[in-house]
C-alpha atoms as a PDB file:
ATOM      1  CA  MET A   1      92.664 106.213  52.678  1.00  0.00           C
ATOM      2  CA  LYS A   2      91.215 102.957  51.403  1.00  0.00           C
ATOM      3  CA  PRO A   3      87.541 102.314  52.350  1.00  0.00           C
ATOM      4  CA  ALA A   4      88.422  99.256  54.475  1.00  0.00           C
ATOM      5  CA  LEU A   5      91.088 101.176  56.377  1.00  0.00           C
ATOM      6  CA  LEU A   6      88.713 104.119  56.782  1.00  0.00           C
ATOM      7  CA  ARG A   7      86.067 101.847  58.325  1.00  0.00           C
ATOM      8  CA  ILE A   8      88.622 100.408  60.754  1.00  0.00           C
ATOM      9  CA  ALA A   9      89.752 103.890  61.754  1.00  0.00           C
ATOM     10  CA  LEU A  10      86.167 105.049  62.299  1.00  0.00           C
ATOM     11  CA  VAL A  11      85.367 101.965  64.414  1.00  0.00           C
ATOM     12  CA  ALA A  12      88.500 102.545  66.492  1.00  0.00           C
ATOM     13  CA  GLN A  13      87.571 106.195  67.047  1.00  0.00           C
ATOM     14  CA  LEU A  14      84.032 105.185  68.026  1.00  0.00           C
ATOM     15  CA  PHE A  15      85.370 102.609  70.504  1.00  0.00           C
ATOM     16  CA  VAL A  16      87.662 105.172  72.122  1.00  0.00           C
ATOM     17  CA  ALA A  17      84.842 107.705  72.340  1.00  0.00           C
ATOM     18  CA  CYS A  18      82.460 105.183  73.925  1.00  0.00           C
ATOM     19  CA  ALA A  19      85.085 104.062  76.416  1.00  0.00           C
ATOM     20  CA  ALA A  20      85.734 107.641  77.402  1.00  0.00           C
ATOM     21  CA  ALA A  21      82.027 108.324  77.786  1.00  0.00           C
ATOM     22  CA  ALA A  22      81.299 105.178  79.817  1.00  0.00           C
ATOM     23  CA  PRO A  23      80.737 105.897  83.504  1.00  0.00           C
ATOM     24  CA  GLN A  24      83.758 105.003  85.613  1.00  0.00           C
ATOM     25  CA  PRO A  25      83.313 103.432  89.058  1.00  0.00           C
ATOM     26  CA  ASP A  26      83.854 105.714  91.998  1.00  0.00           C
ATOM     27  CA  PRO A  27      87.339 105.474  93.543  1.00  0.00           C
ATOM     28  CA  LEU A  28      87.561 103.028  96.416  1.00  0.00           C
ATOM     29  CA  PRO A  29      87.170 104.852  99.748  1.00  0.00           C
ATOM     30  CA  THR A  30      90.251 104.912 101.966  1.00  0.00           C
ATOM     31  CA  SER A  31      89.641 107.595 104.589  1.00  0.00           C
ATOM     32  CA  GLN A  32      87.502 107.067 107.677  1.00  0.00           C
ATOM     33  CA  ILE A  33      84.868 109.546 106.550  1.00  0.00           C
ATOM     34  CA  GLU A  34      84.709 108.107 103.029  1.00  0.00           C
ATOM     35  CA  ILE A  35      84.324 104.540 104.306  1.00  0.00           C
ATOM     36  CA  ASP A  36      81.667 105.472 106.868  1.00  0.00           C
ATOM     37  CA  THR A  37      79.688 107.432 104.275  1.00  0.00           C
ATOM     38  CA  LEU A  38      79.886 104.674 101.691  1.00  0.00           C
ATOM     39  CA  ALA A  39      78.892 101.950 104.181  1.00  0.00           C
ATOM     40  CA  LYS A  40      75.736 103.793 105.203  1.00  0.00           C
ATOM     41  CA  ARG A  41      74.829 104.662 101.615  1.00  0.00           C
ATOM     42  CA  VAL A  42      75.372 101.168 100.191  1.00  0.00           C
ATOM     43  CA  ALA A  43      73.721  99.336 103.108  1.00  0.00           C
ATOM     44  CA  GLY A  44      70.645 101.521 102.822  1.00  0.00           C
ATOM     45  CA  ALA A  45      67.473 100.642 104.711  1.00  0.00           C
ATOM     46  CA  GLY A  46      65.912  97.323 105.575  1.00  0.00           C
ATOM     47  CA  ASP A  47      66.711  94.254 107.638  1.00  0.00           C
ATOM     48  CA  PRO A  48      70.340  93.332 108.519  1.00  0.00           C
ATOM     49  CA  VAL A  49      70.540  90.452 106.020  1.00  0.00           C
ATOM     50  CA  THR A  50      69.361  92.596 103.098  1.00  0.00           C
ATOM     51  CA  ARG A  51      71.656  95.460 104.086  1.00  0.00           C
ATOM     52  CA  THR A  52      74.636  93.138 104.512  1.00  0.00           C
ATOM     53  CA  GLN A  53      73.953  91.540 101.126  1.00  0.00           C
ATOM     54  CA  ARG A  54      74.175  94.989  99.537  1.00  0.00           C
ATOM     55  CA  LEU A  55      77.553  95.587 101.194  1.00  0.00           C
ATOM     56  CA  VAL A  56      78.859  92.171 100.148  1.00  0.00           C
ATOM     57  CA  SER A  57      77.608  92.673  96.586  1.00  0.00           C
ATOM     58  CA  TRP A  58      79.409  96.024  96.450  1.00  0.00           C
ATOM     59  CA  MET A  59      82.597  94.372  97.689  1.00  0.00           C
ATOM     60  CA  ASN A  60      82.291  91.619  95.101  1.00  0.00           C
ATOM     61  CA  THR A  61      82.211  94.184  92.293  1.00  0.00           C
ATOM     62  CA  ARG A  62      85.175  96.168  93.589  1.00  0.00           C
ATOM     63  CA  LEU A  63      87.525  93.783  95.407  1.00  0.00           C
ATOM     64  CA  GLU A  64      89.236  90.587  94.257  1.00  0.00           C
ATOM     65  CA  TRP A  65      90.004  87.444  96.225  1.00  0.00           C
ATOM     66  CA  VAL A  66      93.716  86.568  96.253  1.00  0.00           C
ATOM     67  CA  ALA A  67      95.663  83.877  98.090  1.00  0.00           C
ATOM     68  CA  THR A  68      97.208  84.847 101.397  1.00  0.00           C
ATOM     69  CA  ASP A  69     100.670  86.386 101.469  1.00  0.00           C
ATOM     70  CA  TYR A  70     100.771  86.440 105.300  1.00  0.00           C
ATOM     71  CA  GLU A  71     101.031  90.232 105.359  1.00  0.00           C
ATOM     72  CA  GLU A  72      98.938  92.142 107.895  1.00  0.00           C
ATOM     73  CA  ARG A  73      96.973  95.054 106.473  1.00  0.00           C
ATOM     74  CA  THR A  74      94.318  97.432 107.753  1.00  0.00           C
ATOM     75  CA  PRO A  75      90.913  97.508 106.027  1.00  0.00           C
ATOM     76  CA  GLU A  76      91.908 100.869 104.578  1.00  0.00           C
ATOM     77  CA  GLN A  77      95.036  99.327 103.060  1.00  0.00           C
ATOM     78  CA  MET A  78      93.027  96.419 101.676  1.00  0.00           C
ATOM     79  CA  LEU A  79      90.591  98.815 100.032  1.00  0.00           C
ATOM     80  CA  ALA A  80      93.496 100.721  98.518  1.00  0.00           C
ATOM     81  CA  ARG A  81      94.960  97.411  97.309  1.00  0.00           C
ATOM     82  CA  GLY A  82      91.621  96.303  95.881  1.00  0.00           C
ATOM     83  CA  ALA A  83      92.182  92.679  96.859  1.00  0.00           C
ATOM     84  CA  GLY A  84      92.629  90.328  99.791  1.00  0.00           C
ATOM     85  CA  ASN A  85      92.285  86.789 101.079  1.00  0.00           C
ATOM     86  CA  CYS A  86      89.195  85.538 102.910  1.00  0.00           C
ATOM     87  CA  ALA A  87      90.264  87.023 106.256  1.00  0.00           C
ATOM     88  CA  ASP A  88      91.161  90.328 104.582  1.00  0.00           C
ATOM     89  CA  LEU A  89      87.770  90.553 102.911  1.00  0.00           C
ATOM     90  CA  ALA A  90      86.019  89.679 106.162  1.00  0.00           C
ATOM     91  CA  SER A  91      87.965  92.488 107.805  1.00  0.00           C
ATOM     92  CA  VAL A  92      86.775  94.939 105.137  1.00  0.00           C
ATOM     93  CA  LEU A  93      83.191  93.777 105.641  1.00  0.00           C
ATOM     94  CA  GLU A  94      83.616  94.244 109.378  1.00  0.00           C
ATOM     95  CA  ARG A  95      84.771  97.811 108.704  1.00  0.00           C
ATOM     96  CA  LEU A  96      81.639  98.452 106.625  1.00  0.00           C
ATOM     97  CA  LEU A  97      79.222  96.838 109.075  1.00  0.00           C
ATOM     98  CA  ARG A  98      80.289  99.080 111.953  1.00  0.00           C
ATOM     99  CA  PRO A  99      79.029 102.425 110.586  1.00  0.00           C
ATOM    100  CA  ALA A 100      76.011 100.617 109.131  1.00  0.00           C
ATOM    101  CA  GLY A 101      75.091  99.570 112.683  1.00  0.00           C
ATOM    102  CA  ILE A 102      74.887  95.837 111.894  1.00  0.00           C
ATOM    103  CA  ARG A 103      75.906  93.414 114.637  1.00  0.00           C
ATOM    104  CA  TYR A 104      78.510  90.842 113.642  1.00  0.00           C
ATOM    105  CA  ARG A 105      81.054  88.360 114.944  1.00  0.00           C
ATOM    106  CA  TRP A 106      84.015  86.523 113.387  1.00  0.00           C
ATOM    107  CA  VAL A 107      83.859  82.879 112.320  1.00  0.00           C
ATOM    108  CA  GLU A 108      86.686  80.385 111.803  1.00  0.00           C
ATOM    109  CA  GLU A 109      86.110  77.350 109.586  1.00  0.00           C
ATOM    110  CA  ILE A 110      88.049  74.237 108.628  1.00  0.00           C
ATOM    111  CA  ASN A 111      86.992  72.433 105.467  1.00  0.00           C
ATOM    112  CA  VAL A 112      87.867  69.357 103.414  1.00  0.00           C
ATOM    113  CA  GLN A 113      89.948  70.084 100.318  1.00  0.00           C
ATOM    114  CA  PRO A 114      91.329  68.060  97.405  1.00  0.00           C
ATOM    115  CA  VAL A 115      94.513  66.296  98.502  1.00  0.00           C
ATOM    116  CA  SER A 116      97.565  68.536  98.027  1.00  0.00           C
ATOM    117  CA  ALA A 117     101.144  67.553  98.853  1.00  0.00           C
ATOM    118  CA  GLU A 118     102.184  71.177  98.295  1.00  0.00           C
ATOM    119  CA  ARG A 119      99.705  72.482 100.868  1.00  0.00           C
ATOM    120  CA  GLN A 120     100.908  69.844 103.329  1.00  0.00           C
ATOM    121  CA  ALA A 121     104.549  70.848 102.825  1.00  0.00           C
ATOM    122  CA  ASP A 122     103.722  74.541 103.280  1.00  0.00           C
ATOM    123  CA  ALA A 123     101.816  73.785 106.479  1.00  0.00           C
ATOM    124  CA  VAL A 124     104.623  71.655 107.917  1.00  0.00           C
ATOM    125  CA  ALA A 125     107.124  74.451 107.279  1.00  0.00           C
ATOM    126  CA  LEU A 126     104.898  77.036 108.957  1.00  0.00           C
ATOM    127  CA  ILE A 127     104.226  74.762 111.926  1.00  0.00           C
ATOM    128  CA  ARG A 128     107.988  74.573 112.493  1.00  0.00           C
ATOM    129  CA  GLN A 129     108.221  78.356 112.368  1.00  0.00           C
ATOM    130  CA  ARG A 130     105.080  79.441 114.214  1.00  0.00           C
ATOM    131  CA  GLY A 131     103.639  76.467 116.067  1.00  0.00           C
ATOM    132  CA  VAL A 132     100.781  73.961 115.793  1.00  0.00           C
ATOM    133  CA  GLY A 133      98.195  76.682 115.305  1.00  0.00           C
ATOM    134  CA  LEU A 134      99.168  76.524 111.619  1.00  0.00           C
ATOM    135  CA  SER A 135      98.020  72.898 111.431  1.00  0.00           C
ATOM    136  CA  ILE A 136      94.566  74.251 110.551  1.00  0.00           C
ATOM    137  CA  PHE A 137      95.559  73.597 106.948  1.00  0.00           C
ATOM    138  CA  GLY A 138      97.303  70.591 105.472  1.00  0.00           C
ATOM    139  CA  ARG A 139      97.145  67.649 103.080  1.00  0.00           C
ATOM    140  CA  GLN A 140      93.352  67.374 102.845  1.00  0.00           C
ATOM    141  CA  HIS A 141      92.040  70.404 104.725  1.00  0.00           C
ATOM    142  CA  ASN A 142      92.210  74.187 104.807  1.00  0.00           C
ATOM    143  CA  ASP A 143      90.925  77.047 106.925  1.00  0.00           C
ATOM    144  CA  HIS A 144      88.518  79.823 105.999  1.00  0.00           C
ATOM    145  CA  ARG A 145      87.289  83.043 107.633  1.00  0.00           C
ATOM    146  CA  TRP A 146      83.937  84.805 107.442  1.00  0.00           C
ATOM    147  CA  LEU A 147      81.466  86.634 109.648  1.00  0.00           C
ATOM    148  CA  GLU A 148      78.086  85.997 111.173  1.00  0.00           C
ATOM    149  CA  ILE A 149      75.570  88.817 111.420  1.00  0.00           C
ATOM    150  CA  ARG A 150      72.584  89.062 113.726  1.00  0.00           C
ATOM    151  CA  ASP A 151      69.295  88.657 111.877  1.00  0.00           C
ATOM    152  CA  ASP A 152      66.802  90.744 113.843  1.00  0.00           C
ATOM    153  CA  ARG A 153      63.864  88.954 112.227  1.00  0.00           C
ATOM    154  CA  SER A 154      64.803  85.422 113.285  1.00  0.00           C
ATOM    155  CA  GLN A 155      66.960  86.497 116.250  1.00  0.00           C
ATOM    156  CA  GLU A 156      69.665  84.178 114.938  1.00  0.00           C
ATOM    157  CA  TRP A 157      73.273  84.574 113.812  1.00  0.00           C
ATOM    158  CA  VAL A 158      73.599  83.889 110.077  1.00  0.00           C
ATOM    159  CA  PRO A 159      76.552  83.678 107.653  1.00  0.00           C
ATOM    160  CA  ALA A 160      78.022  86.664 105.834  1.00  0.00           C
ATOM    161  CA  ASP A 161      80.973  85.546 103.707  1.00  0.00           C
ATOM    162  CA  PRO A 162      82.334  88.227 101.360  1.00  0.00           C
ATOM    163  CA  ALA A 163      84.930  85.884  99.836  1.00  0.00           C
ATOM    164  CA  THR A 164      82.181  83.679  98.399  1.00  0.00           C
ATOM    165  CA  GLY A 165      79.401  86.271  98.183  1.00  0.00           C
ATOM    166  CA  LEU A 166      77.143  84.208 100.455  1.00  0.00           C
ATOM    167  CA  VAL A 167      74.827  85.922 102.949  1.00  0.00           C
ATOM    168  CA  GLY A 168      72.119  84.153 104.969  1.00  0.00           C
ATOM    169  CA  THR A 169      71.859  80.545 106.106  1.00  0.00           C
ATOM    170  CA  PRO A 170      69.816  79.086 103.190  1.00  0.00           C
ATOM    171  CA  ALA A 171      72.210  80.455 100.555  1.00  0.00           C
ATOM    172  CA  TRP A 172      75.235  79.371 102.580  1.00  0.00           C
ATOM    173  CA  ALA A 173      73.911  75.848 103.195  1.00  0.00           C
ATOM    174  CA  ARG A 174      73.038  75.240  99.535  1.00  0.00           C
ATOM    175  CA  ALA A 175      76.414  76.473  98.294  1.00  0.00           C
ATOM    176  CA  ARG A 176      78.591  74.864 100.968  1.00  0.00           C
ATOM    177  CA  MET A 177      76.778  71.705 102.138  1.00  0.00           C
ATOM    178  CA  ALA A 178      74.552  70.485  99.277  1.00  0.00           C
ATOM    179  CA  LEU A 179      75.357  66.926  98.234  1.00  0.00           C
ATOM    180  CA  ALA A 180      74.627  67.627  94.549  1.00  0.00           C
ATOM    181  CA  ASP A 181      73.627  70.399  92.159  1.00  0.00           C
ATOM    182  CA  ARG A 182      75.145  73.241  94.112  1.00  0.00           C
ATOM    183  CA  PRO A 183      74.192  76.621  92.653  1.00  0.00           C
ATOM    184  CA  PRO A 184      76.829  78.507  90.672  1.00  0.00           C
ATOM    185  CA  PRO A 185      78.849  80.839  92.878  1.00  0.00           C
ATOM    186  CA  ALA A 186      77.501  84.336  93.413  1.00  0.00           C
ATOM    187  CA  VAL A 187      80.976  85.556  92.471  1.00  0.00           C
ATOM    188  CA  PRO A 188      82.117  83.727  89.285  1.00  0.00           C
ATOM    189  CA  ALA A 189      85.736  84.742  89.911  1.00  0.00           C
ATOM    190  CA  VAL A 190      85.861  82.533  93.032  1.00  0.00           C
ATOM    191  CA  ALA A 191      84.447  79.416  91.352  1.00  0.00           C
ATOM    192  CA  ASP A 192      87.714  77.514  91.855  1.00  0.00           C
ATOM    193  CA  LEU A 193      87.905  78.594  95.495  1.00  0.00           C
ATOM    194  CA  ILE A 194      84.366  77.345  96.152  1.00  0.00           C
ATOM    195  CA  LYS A 195      84.975  74.111  94.244  1.00  0.00           C
ATOM    196  CA  ASP A 196      88.018  73.270  96.364  1.00  0.00           C
ATOM    197  CA  MET A 197      86.125  73.839  99.636  1.00  0.00           C
ATOM    198  CA  ILE A 198      84.407  70.452  99.401  1.00  0.00           C
ATOM    199  CA  VAL A 199      82.608  70.620 102.734  1.00  0.00           C
ATOM    200  CA  PRO A 200      83.131  72.387 106.088  1.00  0.00           C
ATOM    201  CA  ILE A 201      83.998  70.024 108.948  1.00  0.00           C
ATOM    202  CA  ALA A 202      84.355  72.472 111.864  1.00  0.00           C
ATOM    203  CA  ILE A 203      82.947  75.977 112.464  1.00  0.00           C
ATOM    204  CA  PHE A 204      83.538  78.252 115.460  1.00  0.00           C
ATOM    205  CA  THR A 205      83.081  81.847 116.403  1.00  0.00           C
ATOM    206  CA  SER A 206      86.336  83.596 117.159  1.00  0.00           C
ATOM    207  CA  ARG A 207      87.829  83.379 120.626  1.00  0.00           C
ATOM    208  CA  ALA A 208      87.651  87.189 120.660  1.00  0.00           C
ATOM    209  CA  ALA A 209      83.883  87.172 120.114  1.00  0.00           C
ATOM    210  CA  PRO A 210      81.674  88.425 122.963  1.00  0.00           C
ATOM    211  CA  GLY A 211      81.335  85.553 125.404  1.00  0.00           C
ATOM    212  CA  GLY A 212      84.354  83.757 123.958  1.00  0.00           C
ATOM    213  CA  ARG A 213      84.574  81.020 121.362  1.00  0.00           C
ATOM    214  CA  SER A 214      81.350  79.216 120.487  1.00  0.00           C
ATOM    215  CA  ASP A 215      81.163  75.888 118.656  1.00  0.00           C
ATOM    216  CA  ARG A 216      78.855  76.272 115.643  1.00  0.00           C
ATOM    217  CA  SER A 217      79.701  72.915 114.061  1.00  0.00           C
ATOM    218  CA  VAL A 218      76.570  71.086 115.185  1.00  0.00           C
ATOM    219  CA  HIS A 219      74.363  74.016 114.182  1.00  0.00           C
ATOM    220  CA  TYR A 220      75.661  74.231 110.619  1.00  0.00           C
ATOM    221  CA  LEU A 221      77.043  70.780 109.820  1.00  0.00           C
ATOM    222  CA  ILE A 222      74.287  68.711 111.399  1.00  0.00           C
ATOM    223  CA  ASP A 223      71.139  70.759 112.104  1.00  0.00           C
ATOM    224  CA  GLU A 224      71.223  73.074 109.062  1.00  0.00           C
ATOM    225  CA  PHE A 225      72.543  70.271 106.861  1.00  0.00           C
ATOM    226  CA  ASP A 226      69.525  68.134 107.759  1.00  0.00           C
ATOM    227  CA  ARG A 227      67.174  71.127 107.369  1.00  0.00           C
ATOM    228  CA  LEU A 228      68.581  71.686 103.868  1.00  0.00           C
ATOM    229  CA  TYR A 229      67.081  68.298 102.997  1.00  0.00           C
ATOM    230  CA  GLN A 230      63.802  68.998 104.798  1.00  0.00           C
ATOM    231  CA  GLY A 231      64.780  66.826 107.730  1.00  0.00           C
ATOM    232  CA  LYS A 232      65.531  63.761 105.584  1.00  0.00           C
ATOM    233  CA  ALA A 233      69.342  63.809 105.459  1.00  0.00           C
ATOM    234  CA  HIS A 234      69.425  61.959 108.760  1.00  0.00           C
ATOM    235  CA  THR A 235      67.698  59.002 107.091  1.00  0.00           C
ATOM    236  CA  LEU A 236      70.764  58.308 104.920  1.00  0.00           C
ATOM    237  CA  PRO A 237      72.794  55.257 106.048  1.00  0.00           C
ATOM    238  CA  SER A 238      76.037  57.254 106.484  1.00  0.00           C
ATOM    239  CA  TRP A 239      74.405  60.011 108.545  1.00  0.00           C
ATOM    240  CA  PRO A 240      75.230  58.543 112.003  1.00  0.00           C
ATOM    241  CA  LYS A 241      78.862  58.156 110.961  1.00  0.00           C
ATOM    242  CA  TRP A 242      78.892  61.794 109.747  1.00  0.00           C
ATOM    243  CA  VAL A 243      77.429  63.088 113.013  1.00  0.00           C
ATOM    244  CA  SER A 244      79.857  61.026 115.078  1.00  0.00           C
ATOM    245  CA  ALA A 245      82.887  62.199 113.086  1.00  0.00           C
ATOM    246  CA  VAL A 246      81.833  65.878 113.257  1.00  0.00           C
ATOM    247  CA  ARG A 247      81.411  65.630 117.018  1.00  0.00           C
ATOM    248  CA  GLU A 248      84.767  63.863 117.412  1.00  0.00           C
ATOM    249  CA  PHE A 249      86.633  66.346 115.211  1.00  0.00           C
ATOM    250  CA  SER A 250      85.109  69.499 116.689  1.00  0.00           C
ATOM    251  CA  PRO A 251      87.109  69.660 119.971  1.00  0.00           C
ATOM    252  CA  LEU A 252      90.332  68.819 118.131  1.00  0.00           C
ATOM    253  CA  ALA A 253      89.692  71.630 115.649  1.00  0.00           C
ATOM    254  CA  GLN A 254      89.045  74.063 118.481  1.00  0.00           C
ATOM    255  CA  GLN A 255      92.307  73.100 120.157  1.00  0.00           C
ATOM    256  CA  ALA A 256      94.159  73.605 116.867  1.00  0.00           C
ATOM    257  CA  LEU A 257      92.586  77.036 116.359  1.00  0.00           C
ATOM    258  CA  ASP A 258      93.728  77.885 119.887  1.00  0.00           C
ATOM    259  CA  GLY A 259      97.255  76.663 119.096  1.00  0.00           C
ATOM    260  CA  GLU A 260      97.003  73.680 121.422  1.00  0.00           C
ATOM    261  CA  ALA A 261      96.758  70.681 119.043  1.00  0.00           C
ATOM    262  CA  ASN A 262      98.272  69.537 115.762  1.00  0.00           C
ATOM    263  CA  LEU A 263      95.567  68.518 113.290  1.00  0.00           C
ATOM    264  CA  HIS A 264      98.188  66.748 111.169  1.00  0.00           C
ATOM    265  CA  GLU A 265      98.171  64.080 113.865  1.00  0.00           C
ATOM    266  CA  HIS A 266      94.479  63.486 113.091  1.00  0.00           C
ATOM    267  CA  ALA A 267      94.695  63.139 109.320  1.00  0.00           C
ATOM    268  CA  ALA A 268      92.840  59.806 109.464  1.00  0.00           C
ATOM    269  CA  LEU A 269      89.795  61.493 111.027  1.00  0.00           C
ATOM    270  CA  ILE A 270      89.824  64.224 108.381  1.00  0.00           C
ATOM    271  CA  GLU A 271      89.990  61.549 105.688  1.00  0.00           C
ATOM    272  CA  GLN A 272      87.092  59.751 107.375  1.00  0.00           C
ATOM    273  CA  LEU A 273      85.004  62.939 107.257  1.00  0.00           C
ATOM    274  CA  ALA A 274      85.808  63.350 103.565  1.00  0.00           C
ATOM    275  CA  THR A 275      84.967  59.721 102.813  1.00  0.00           C
ATOM    276  CA  THR A 276      81.744  59.840 104.830  1.00  0.00           C
ATOM    277  CA  TYR A 277      80.584  62.977 103.025  1.00  0.00           C
ATOM    278  CA  GLU A 278      81.196  61.268  99.686  1.00  0.00           C
ATOM    279  CA  GLY A 279      79.137  58.350 100.984  1.00  0.00           C
ATOM    280  CA  LEU A 280      76.297  60.749 101.776  1.00  0.00           C
ATOM    281  CA  ARG A 281      76.550  62.104  98.231  1.00  0.00           C
ATOM    282  CA  ARG A 282      76.116  58.650  96.710  1.00  0.00           C
ATOM    283  CA  GLU A 283      73.288  57.742  99.053  1.00  0.00           C
ATOM    284  CA  ALA A 284      71.430  60.993  98.384  1.00  0.00           C
ATOM    285  CA  THR A 285      71.671  60.391  94.645  1.00  0.00           C
ATOM    286  CA  SER A 286      70.416  56.823  95.022  1.00  0.00           C
ATOM    287  CA  ALA A 287      67.525  57.982  97.220  1.00  0.00           C
ATOM    288  CA  GLN A 288      66.808  60.944  94.909  1.00  0.00           C
ATOM    289  CA  LEU A 289      67.079  63.227  97.903  1.00  0.00           C
ATOM    290  CA  LEU A 290      66.941  66.853  96.809  1.00  0.00           C
ATOM    291  CA  ALA A 291      68.033  69.984  98.660  1.00  0.00           C
ATOM    292  CA  HIS A 292      65.218  72.356  99.537  1.00  0.00           C
END
């Protein structure tokens, strides 16, 4: 064999040998015992936020985000599939939080998106088939699902979003609300997903949560937004318009989530929220306002 060909053959053999010797990830758990054992082991010890972050980080290395196909699956089936949409991934996280003993509740979000005629057409078709509850996505908006966990240290409910890899209010606020210089996503594979979720405009706990649905829009989109800028966001000229629009949109969003209102009939308000947020961006840049 010629020396060049011999070197190629040796390199190929070395590559195969190294690949064979490299540690392979453990199979994804699918049985009840396997899932319970893994959840407790991965979560480990510590406070709920730290333990949840470990679970979310594990999910981000083993599961992929994919667009919804409107199929219902159990967490066990999603783990076997190795992929899911935002609600699927939240369901898997829920399954892991239970044996870890971490308190949680479901969250439903509506956010501003880049304008899409295709998304609008899909939504209109589904509204005809299934009712106005599907108006939670459309031309310039989309819905999103995640969880809140109870932080025993602060005695507050904080975000835990496995689709984006975000756990805890500061990380969530910087990645989802910051007017400029948002940090790169914790999960590089969902960079496009994060980029398209321009800004949340309504946030609620699920109707099935203990005590029923709770409006979290003011908490996240006004209070935490202002706190992100050390209490100075409210000094921006467009801030009153933002607060007013969030408060006006919130009850309409809740009705849509409950299947009682068609958000497509309020497209002008959604556009106003998008325009106002862009105004806040420009004003923050002009005022050199930086997120904390």
